[in-house]
Amino acid sequence: KARGALTLAKAGQEAEAEAFAQRYRALGVAV
């Protein structure tokens, strides 16, 4: 059943959030 998920990052963690998104986008995951 549709839900969606949001993983939050604090100020200063923007690079980690970007790396997470890039890693999974490269695997075909929508982020």
PDB file of all heavy atoms in Angstrom:
ATOM      1  N   LYS A   1       0.855  -1.178   0.000  1.00  0.00           N
ATOM      2  CA  LYS A   1       0.000   0.000   0.000  1.00  0.00           C
ATOM      3  C   LYS A   1       0.898   1.238   0.000  1.00  0.00           C
ATOM      4  O   LYS A   1       1.884   1.303   0.744  1.00  0.00           O
ATOM      5  CB  LYS A   1      -0.878  -0.009   1.259  1.00  0.00           C
ATOM      6  CG  LYS A   1      -1.799   1.174   1.381  1.00  0.00           C
ATOM      7  CD  LYS A   1      -2.590   1.086   2.671  1.00  0.00           C
ATOM      8  CE  LYS A   1      -3.318   2.379   2.928  1.00  0.00           C
ATOM      9  NZ  LYS A   1      -3.851   2.449   4.274  1.00  0.00           N
ATOM     10  N   ALA A   2       0.555   2.233  -0.821  1.00  0.00           N
ATOM     11  CA  ALA A   2       1.379   3.437  -0.962  1.00  0.00           C
ATOM     12  C   ALA A   2       1.646   4.101   0.387  1.00  0.00           C
ATOM     13  O   ALA A   2       0.776   4.158   1.250  1.00  0.00           O
ATOM     14  CB  ALA A   2       0.699   4.425  -1.902  1.00  0.00           C
ATOM     15  N   ARG A   3       2.871   4.607   0.541  1.00  0.00           N
ATOM     16  CA  ARG A   3       3.258   5.262   1.786  1.00  0.00           C
ATOM     17  C   ARG A   3       4.257   6.390   1.541  1.00  0.00           C
ATOM     18  O   ARG A   3       4.048   7.503   1.928  1.00  0.00           O
ATOM     19  CB  ARG A   3       3.856   4.241   2.744  1.00  0.00           C
ATOM     20  CG  ARG A   3       4.410   4.846   4.023  1.00  0.00           C
ATOM     21  CD  ARG A   3       5.212   3.785   4.763  1.00  0.00           C
ATOM     22  NE  ARG A   3       5.667   4.206   6.040  1.00  0.00           N
ATOM     23  CZ  ARG A   3       5.002   4.134   7.172  1.00  0.00           C
ATOM     24  NH1 ARG A   3       3.787   3.678   7.174  1.00  0.00           N
ATOM     25  NH2 ARG A   3       5.539   4.515   8.297  1.00  0.00           N
ATOM     26  N   GLY A   4       5.409   6.077   0.951  1.00  0.00           N
ATOM     27  CA  GLY A   4       6.504   7.029   0.820  1.00  0.00           C
ATOM     28  C   GLY A   4       7.283   7.097   2.116  1.00  0.00           C
ATOM     29  O   GLY A   4       6.771   6.750   3.186  1.00  0.00           O
ATOM     30  N   ALA A   5       8.534   7.517   2.028  1.00  0.00           N
ATOM     31  CA  ALA A   5       9.378   7.630   3.224  1.00  0.00           C
ATOM     32  C   ALA A   5      10.286   8.834   3.084  1.00  0.00           C
ATOM     33  O   ALA A   5      10.766   9.139   1.997  1.00  0.00           O
ATOM     34  CB  ALA A   5      10.217   6.374   3.409  1.00  0.00           C
ATOM     35  N   LEU A   6      10.520   9.481   4.189  1.00  0.00           N
ATOM     36  CA  LEU A   6      11.359  10.665   4.219  1.00  0.00           C
ATOM     37  C   LEU A   6      12.422  10.479   5.296  1.00  0.00           C
ATOM     38  O   LEU A   6      12.107  10.331   6.474  1.00  0.00           O
ATOM     39  CB  LEU A   6      10.503  11.898   4.527  1.00  0.00           C
ATOM     40  CG  LEU A   6      11.196  13.239   4.569  1.00  0.00           C
ATOM     41  CD1 LEU A   6      11.829  13.571   3.215  1.00  0.00           C
ATOM     42  CD2 LEU A   6      10.185  14.323   4.957  1.00  0.00           C
ATOM     43  N   THR A   7      13.692  10.456   4.874  1.00  0.00           N
ATOM     44  CA  THR A   7      14.815  10.361   5.793  1.00  0.00           C
ATOM     45  C   THR A   7      15.387  11.756   5.959  1.00  0.00           C
ATOM     46  O   THR A   7      15.778  12.382   4.972  1.00  0.00           O
ATOM     47  CB  THR A   7      15.896   9.401   5.246  1.00  0.00           C
ATOM     48  OG1 THR A   7      15.299   8.120   5.036  1.00  0.00           O
ATOM     49  CG2 THR A   7      17.056   9.272   6.223  1.00  0.00           C
ATOM     50  N   LEU A   8      15.402  12.246   7.188  1.00  0.00           N
ATOM     51  CA  LEU A   8      15.830  13.616   7.452  1.00  0.00           C
ATOM     52  C   LEU A   8      17.304  13.694   7.821  1.00  0.00           C
ATOM     53  O   LEU A   8      17.851  12.779   8.436  1.00  0.00           O
ATOM     54  CB  LEU A   8      15.004  14.209   8.596  1.00  0.00           C
ATOM     55  CG  LEU A   8      13.504  14.300   8.350  1.00  0.00           C
ATOM     56  CD1 LEU A   8      12.801  14.779   9.601  1.00  0.00           C
ATOM     57  CD2 LEU A   8      13.211  15.202   7.175  1.00  0.00           C
ATOM     58  N   ALA A   9      17.925  14.819   7.445  1.00  0.00           N
ATOM     59  CA  ALA A   9      19.307  15.098   7.817  1.00  0.00           C
ATOM     60  C   ALA A   9      19.366  16.495   8.432  1.00  0.00           C
ATOM     61  O   ALA A   9      18.680  17.411   7.976  1.00  0.00           O
ATOM     62  CB  ALA A   9      20.219  15.021   6.599  1.00  0.00           C
ATOM     63  N   LYS A  10      20.179  16.634   9.445  1.00  0.00           N
ATOM     64  CA  LYS A  10      20.339  17.920  10.124  1.00  0.00           C
ATOM     65  C   LYS A  10      21.287  18.822   9.339  1.00  0.00           C
ATOM     66  O   LYS A  10      22.025  18.361   8.468  1.00  0.00           O
ATOM     67  CB  LYS A  10      20.890  17.706  11.530  1.00  0.00           C
ATOM     68  CG  LYS A  10      19.907  17.013  12.443  1.00  0.00           C
ATOM     69  CD  LYS A  10      20.452  16.885  13.842  1.00  0.00           C
ATOM     70  CE  LYS A  10      19.377  16.263  14.724  1.00  0.00           C
ATOM     71  NZ  LYS A  10      19.771  16.197  16.108  1.00  0.00           N
ATOM     72  N   ALA A  11      21.245  20.077   9.660  1.00  0.00           N
ATOM     73  CA  ALA A  11      22.189  21.026   9.070  1.00  0.00           C
ATOM     74  C   ALA A  11      23.596  20.496   9.315  1.00  0.00           C
ATOM     75  O   ALA A  11      23.910  20.035  10.409  1.00  0.00           O
ATOM     76  CB  ALA A  11      22.010  22.411   9.683  1.00  0.00           C
ATOM     77  N   GLY A  12      24.419  20.508   8.277  1.00  0.00           N
ATOM     78  CA  GLY A  12      25.761  19.956   8.359  1.00  0.00           C
ATOM     79  C   GLY A  12      25.856  18.538   7.836  1.00  0.00           C
ATOM     80  O   GLY A  12      26.948  18.011   7.652  1.00  0.00           O
ATOM     81  N   GLN A  13      24.696  17.911   7.602  1.00  0.00           N
ATOM     82  CA  GLN A  13      24.680  16.538   7.084  1.00  0.00           C
ATOM     83  C   GLN A  13      24.198  16.485   5.631  1.00  0.00           C
ATOM     84  O   GLN A  13      23.887  15.421   5.122  1.00  0.00           O
ATOM     85  CB  GLN A  13      23.769  15.654   7.942  1.00  0.00           C
ATOM     86  CG  GLN A  13      24.238  15.491   9.366  1.00  0.00           C
ATOM     87  CD  GLN A  13      23.260  14.669  10.186  1.00  0.00           C
ATOM     88  OE1 GLN A  13      22.044  14.784  10.052  1.00  0.00           O
ATOM     89  NE2 GLN A  13      23.804  13.827  11.061  1.00  0.00           N
ATOM     90  N   GLU A  14      24.173  17.619   4.985  1.00  0.00           N
ATOM     91  CA  GLU A  14      23.669  17.675   3.605  1.00  0.00           C
ATOM     92  C   GLU A  14      24.460  16.766   2.665  1.00  0.00           C
ATOM     93  O   GLU A  14      23.888  16.114   1.796  1.00  0.00           O
ATOM     94  CB  GLU A  14      23.702  19.122   3.077  1.00  0.00           C
ATOM     95  CG  GLU A  14      22.740  20.059   3.776  1.00  0.00           C
ATOM     96  CD  GLU A  14      23.316  20.723   5.025  1.00  0.00           C
ATOM     97  OE1 GLU A  14      24.434  20.365   5.465  1.00  0.00           O
ATOM     98  OE2 GLU A  14      22.622  21.609   5.566  1.00  0.00           O
ATOM     99  N   ALA A  15      25.771  16.708   2.845  1.00  0.00           N
ATOM    100  CA  ALA A  15      26.607  15.872   1.974  1.00  0.00           C
ATOM    101  C   ALA A  15      26.256  14.388   2.133  1.00  0.00           C
ATOM    102  O   ALA A  15      26.216  13.651   1.139  1.00  0.00           O
ATOM    103  CB  ALA A  15      28.087  16.098   2.270  1.00  0.00           C
ATOM    104  N   GLU A  16      25.982  13.964   3.362  1.00  0.00           N
ATOM    105  CA  GLU A  16      25.599  12.564   3.586  1.00  0.00           C
ATOM    106  C   GLU A  16      24.250  12.253   2.928  1.00  0.00           C
ATOM    107  O   GLU A  16      24.072  11.198   2.339  1.00  0.00           O
ATOM    108  CB  GLU A  16      25.532  12.238   5.080  1.00  0.00           C
ATOM    109  CG  GLU A  16      26.894  12.156   5.749  1.00  0.00           C
ATOM    110  CD  GLU A  16      27.314  13.464   6.380  1.00  0.00           C
ATOM    111  OE1 GLU A  16      26.854  14.550   5.948  1.00  0.00           O
ATOM    112  OE2 GLU A  16      28.125  13.411   7.323  1.00  0.00           O
ATOM    113  N   ALA A  17      23.315  13.173   3.022  1.00  0.00           N
ATOM    114  CA  ALA A  17      22.011  12.979   2.381  1.00  0.00           C
ATOM    115  C   ALA A  17      22.171  12.899   0.865  1.00  0.00           C
ATOM    116  O   ALA A  17      21.555  12.052   0.212  1.00  0.00           O
ATOM    117  CB  ALA A  17      21.058  14.105   2.758  1.00  0.00           C
ATOM    118  N   GLU A  18      22.996  13.761   0.305  1.00  0.00           N
ATOM    119  CA  GLU A  18      23.250  13.739  -1.131  1.00  0.00           C
ATOM    120  C   GLU A  18      23.922  12.427  -1.551  1.00  0.00           C
ATOM    121  O   GLU A  18      23.549  11.835  -2.560  1.00  0.00           O
ATOM    122  CB  GLU A  18      24.125  14.929  -1.544  1.00  0.00           C
ATOM    123  CG  GLU A  18      24.480  14.969  -3.016  1.00  0.00           C
ATOM    124  CD  GLU A  18      23.279  15.106  -3.950  1.00  0.00           C
ATOM    125  OE1 GLU A  18      22.339  15.854  -3.627  1.00  0.00           O
ATOM    126  OE2 GLU A  18      23.284  14.460  -5.024  1.00  0.00           O
ATOM    127  N   ALA A  19      24.874  11.955  -0.765  1.00  0.00           N
ATOM    128  CA  ALA A  19      25.555  10.692  -1.071  1.00  0.00           C
ATOM    129  C   ALA A  19      24.572   9.521  -1.021  1.00  0.00           C
ATOM    130  O   ALA A  19      24.612   8.626  -1.879  1.00  0.00           O
ATOM    131  CB  ALA A  19      26.711  10.464  -0.099  1.00  0.00           C
ATOM    132  N   PHE A  20      23.680   9.524  -0.029  1.00  0.00           N
ATOM    133  CA  PHE A  20      22.644   8.493   0.076  1.00  0.00           C
ATOM    134  C   PHE A  20      21.792   8.489  -1.188  1.00  0.00           C
ATOM    135  O   PHE A  20      21.571   7.447  -1.806  1.00  0.00           O
ATOM    136  CB  PHE A  20      21.785   8.762   1.322  1.00  0.00           C
ATOM    137  CG  PHE A  20      20.574   7.880   1.434  1.00  0.00           C
ATOM    138  CD1 PHE A  20      20.658   6.649   2.062  1.00  0.00           C
ATOM    139  CD2 PHE A  20      19.340   8.285   0.922  1.00  0.00           C
ATOM    140  CE1 PHE A  20      19.542   5.826   2.178  1.00  0.00           C
ATOM    141  CE2 PHE A  20      18.224   7.480   1.030  1.00  0.00           C
ATOM    142  CZ  PHE A  20      18.327   6.242   1.662  1.00  0.00           C
ATOM    143  N   ALA A  21      21.318   9.667  -1.575  1.00  0.00           N
ATOM    144  CA  ALA A  21      20.458   9.778  -2.763  1.00  0.00           C
ATOM    145  C   ALA A  21      21.196   9.306  -4.006  1.00  0.00           C
ATOM    146  O   ALA A  21      20.643   8.539  -4.807  1.00  0.00           O
ATOM    147  CB  ALA A  21      19.974  11.220  -2.925  1.00  0.00           C
ATOM    148  N   GLN A  22      22.426   9.725  -4.185  1.00  0.00           N
ATOM    149  CA  GLN A  22      23.191   9.330  -5.373  1.00  0.00           C
ATOM    150  C   GLN A  22      23.444   7.829  -5.411  1.00  0.00           C
ATOM    151  O   GLN A  22      23.335   7.200  -6.465  1.00  0.00           O
ATOM    152  CB  GLN A  22      24.518  10.090  -5.428  1.00  0.00           C
ATOM    153  CG  GLN A  22      24.365  11.541  -5.815  1.00  0.00           C
ATOM    154  CD  GLN A  22      25.700  12.275  -5.855  1.00  0.00           C
ATOM    155  OE1 GLN A  22      26.755  11.711  -5.583  1.00  0.00           O
ATOM    156  NE2 GLN A  22      25.639  13.558  -6.195  1.00  0.00           N
ATOM    157  N   ARG A  23      23.792   7.251  -4.258  1.00  0.00           N
ATOM    158  CA  ARG A  23      24.073   5.810  -4.186  1.00  0.00           C
ATOM    159  C   ARG A  23      22.870   5.002  -4.667  1.00  0.00           C
ATOM    160  O   ARG A  23      22.997   4.092  -5.468  1.00  0.00           O
ATOM    161  CB  ARG A  23      24.431   5.417  -2.752  1.00  0.00           C
ATOM    162  CG  ARG A  23      24.740   3.930  -2.586  1.00  0.00           C
ATOM    163  CD  ARG A  23      25.081   3.533  -1.150  1.00  0.00           C
ATOM    164  NE  ARG A  23      25.798   4.543  -0.423  1.00  0.00           N
ATOM    165  CZ  ARG A  23      25.387   5.068   0.746  1.00  0.00           C
ATOM    166  NH1 ARG A  23      24.265   4.684   1.300  1.00  0.00           N
ATOM    167  NH2 ARG A  23      26.100   5.982   1.359  1.00  0.00           N
ATOM    168  N   TYR A  24      21.686   5.355  -4.172  1.00  0.00           N
ATOM    169  CA  TYR A  24      20.507   4.570  -4.521  1.00  0.00           C
ATOM    170  C   TYR A  24      19.942   4.924  -5.892  1.00  0.00           C
ATOM    171  O   TYR A  24      19.406   4.060  -6.578  1.00  0.00           O
ATOM    172  CB  TYR A  24      19.469   4.630  -3.398  1.00  0.00           C
ATOM    173  CG  TYR A  24      19.964   3.809  -2.238  1.00  0.00           C
ATOM    174  CD1 TYR A  24      20.535   4.408  -1.132  1.00  0.00           C
ATOM    175  CD2 TYR A  24      19.941   2.426  -2.302  1.00  0.00           C
ATOM    176  CE1 TYR A  24      21.048   3.649  -0.098  1.00  0.00           C
ATOM    177  CE2 TYR A  24      20.449   1.660  -1.280  1.00  0.00           C
ATOM    178  CZ  TYR A  24      21.007   2.271  -0.181  1.00  0.00           C
ATOM    179  OH  TYR A  24      21.526   1.503   0.825  1.00  0.00           O
ATOM    180  N   ARG A  25      20.070   6.147  -6.305  1.00  0.00           N
ATOM    181  CA  ARG A  25      19.666   6.497  -7.679  1.00  0.00           C
ATOM    182  C   ARG A  25      20.466   5.672  -8.676  1.00  0.00           C
ATOM    183  O   ARG A  25      19.926   5.209  -9.686  1.00  0.00           O
ATOM    184  CB  ARG A  25      19.886   7.984  -7.939  1.00  0.00           C
ATOM    185  CG  ARG A  25      18.857   8.888  -7.322  1.00  0.00           C
ATOM    186  CD  ARG A  25      19.182  10.329  -7.684  1.00  0.00           C
ATOM    187  NE  ARG A  25      18.411  11.272  -6.921  1.00  0.00           N
ATOM    188  CZ  ARG A  25      18.874  12.434  -6.480  1.00  0.00           C
ATOM    189  NH1 ARG A  25      20.116  12.819  -6.739  1.00  0.00           N
ATOM    190  NH2 ARG A  25      18.106  13.236  -5.782  1.00  0.00           N
ATOM    191  N   ALA A  26      21.765   5.485  -8.409  1.00  0.00           N
ATOM    192  CA  ALA A  26      22.626   4.700  -9.295  1.00  0.00           C
ATOM    193  C   ALA A  26      22.169   3.242  -9.376  1.00  0.00           C
ATOM    194  O   ALA A  26      22.432   2.558 -10.371  1.00  0.00           O
ATOM    195  CB  ALA A  26      24.077   4.766  -8.822  1.00  0.00           C
ATOM    196  N   LEU A  27      21.452   2.774  -8.362  1.00  0.00           N
ATOM    197  CA  LEU A  27      20.922   1.413  -8.337  1.00  0.00           C
ATOM    198  C   LEU A  27      19.499   1.336  -8.885  1.00  0.00           C
ATOM    199  O   LEU A  27      18.878   0.275  -8.873  1.00  0.00           O
ATOM    200  CB  LEU A  27      20.967   0.873  -6.911  1.00  0.00           C
ATOM    201  CG  LEU A  27      22.364   0.713  -6.313  1.00  0.00           C
ATOM    202  CD1 LEU A  27      22.279   0.433  -4.818  1.00  0.00           C
ATOM    203  CD2 LEU A  27      23.129  -0.383  -7.030  1.00  0.00           C
ATOM    204  N   GLY A  28      18.977   2.475  -9.333  1.00  0.00           N
ATOM    205  CA  GLY A  28      17.632   2.504  -9.906  1.00  0.00           C
ATOM    206  C   GLY A  28      16.521   2.800  -8.924  1.00  0.00           C
ATOM    207  O   GLY A  28      15.341   2.663  -9.252  1.00  0.00           O
ATOM    208  N   VAL A  29      16.862   3.215  -7.722  1.00  0.00           N
ATOM    209  CA  VAL A  29      15.866   3.533  -6.693  1.00  0.00           C
ATOM    210  C   VAL A  29      15.480   5.011  -6.832  1.00  0.00           C
ATOM    211  O   VAL A  29      16.349   5.874  -6.980  1.00  0.00           O
ATOM    212  CB  VAL A  29      16.423   3.264  -5.283  1.00  0.00           C
ATOM    213  CG1 VAL A  29      15.417   3.659  -4.211  1.00  0.00           C
ATOM    214  CG2 VAL A  29      16.820   1.794  -5.143  1.00  0.00           C
ATOM    215  N   ALA A  30      14.197   5.284  -6.779  1.00  0.00           N
ATOM    216  CA  ALA A  30      13.725   6.673  -6.840  1.00  0.00           C
ATOM    217  C   ALA A  30      13.982   7.355  -5.502  1.00  0.00           C
ATOM    218  O   ALA A  30      13.456   6.921  -4.469  1.00  0.00           O
ATOM    219  CB  ALA A  30      12.238   6.712  -7.168  1.00  0.00           C
ATOM    220  N   VAL A  31      14.812   8.385  -5.511  1.00  0.00           N
ATOM    221  CA  VAL A  31      15.119   9.169  -4.309  1.00  0.00           C
ATOM    222  C   VAL A  31      15.182  10.633  -4.722  1.00  0.00           C
ATOM    223  O   VAL A  31      15.939  10.993  -5.622  1.00  0.00           O
ATOM    224  CB  VAL A  31      16.467   8.774  -3.658  1.00  0.00           C
ATOM    225  CG1 VAL A  31      16.707   9.592  -2.394  1.00  0.00           C
ATOM    226  CG2 VAL A  31      16.519   7.287  -3.345  1.00  0.00           C
TER     227      VAL A  31
END
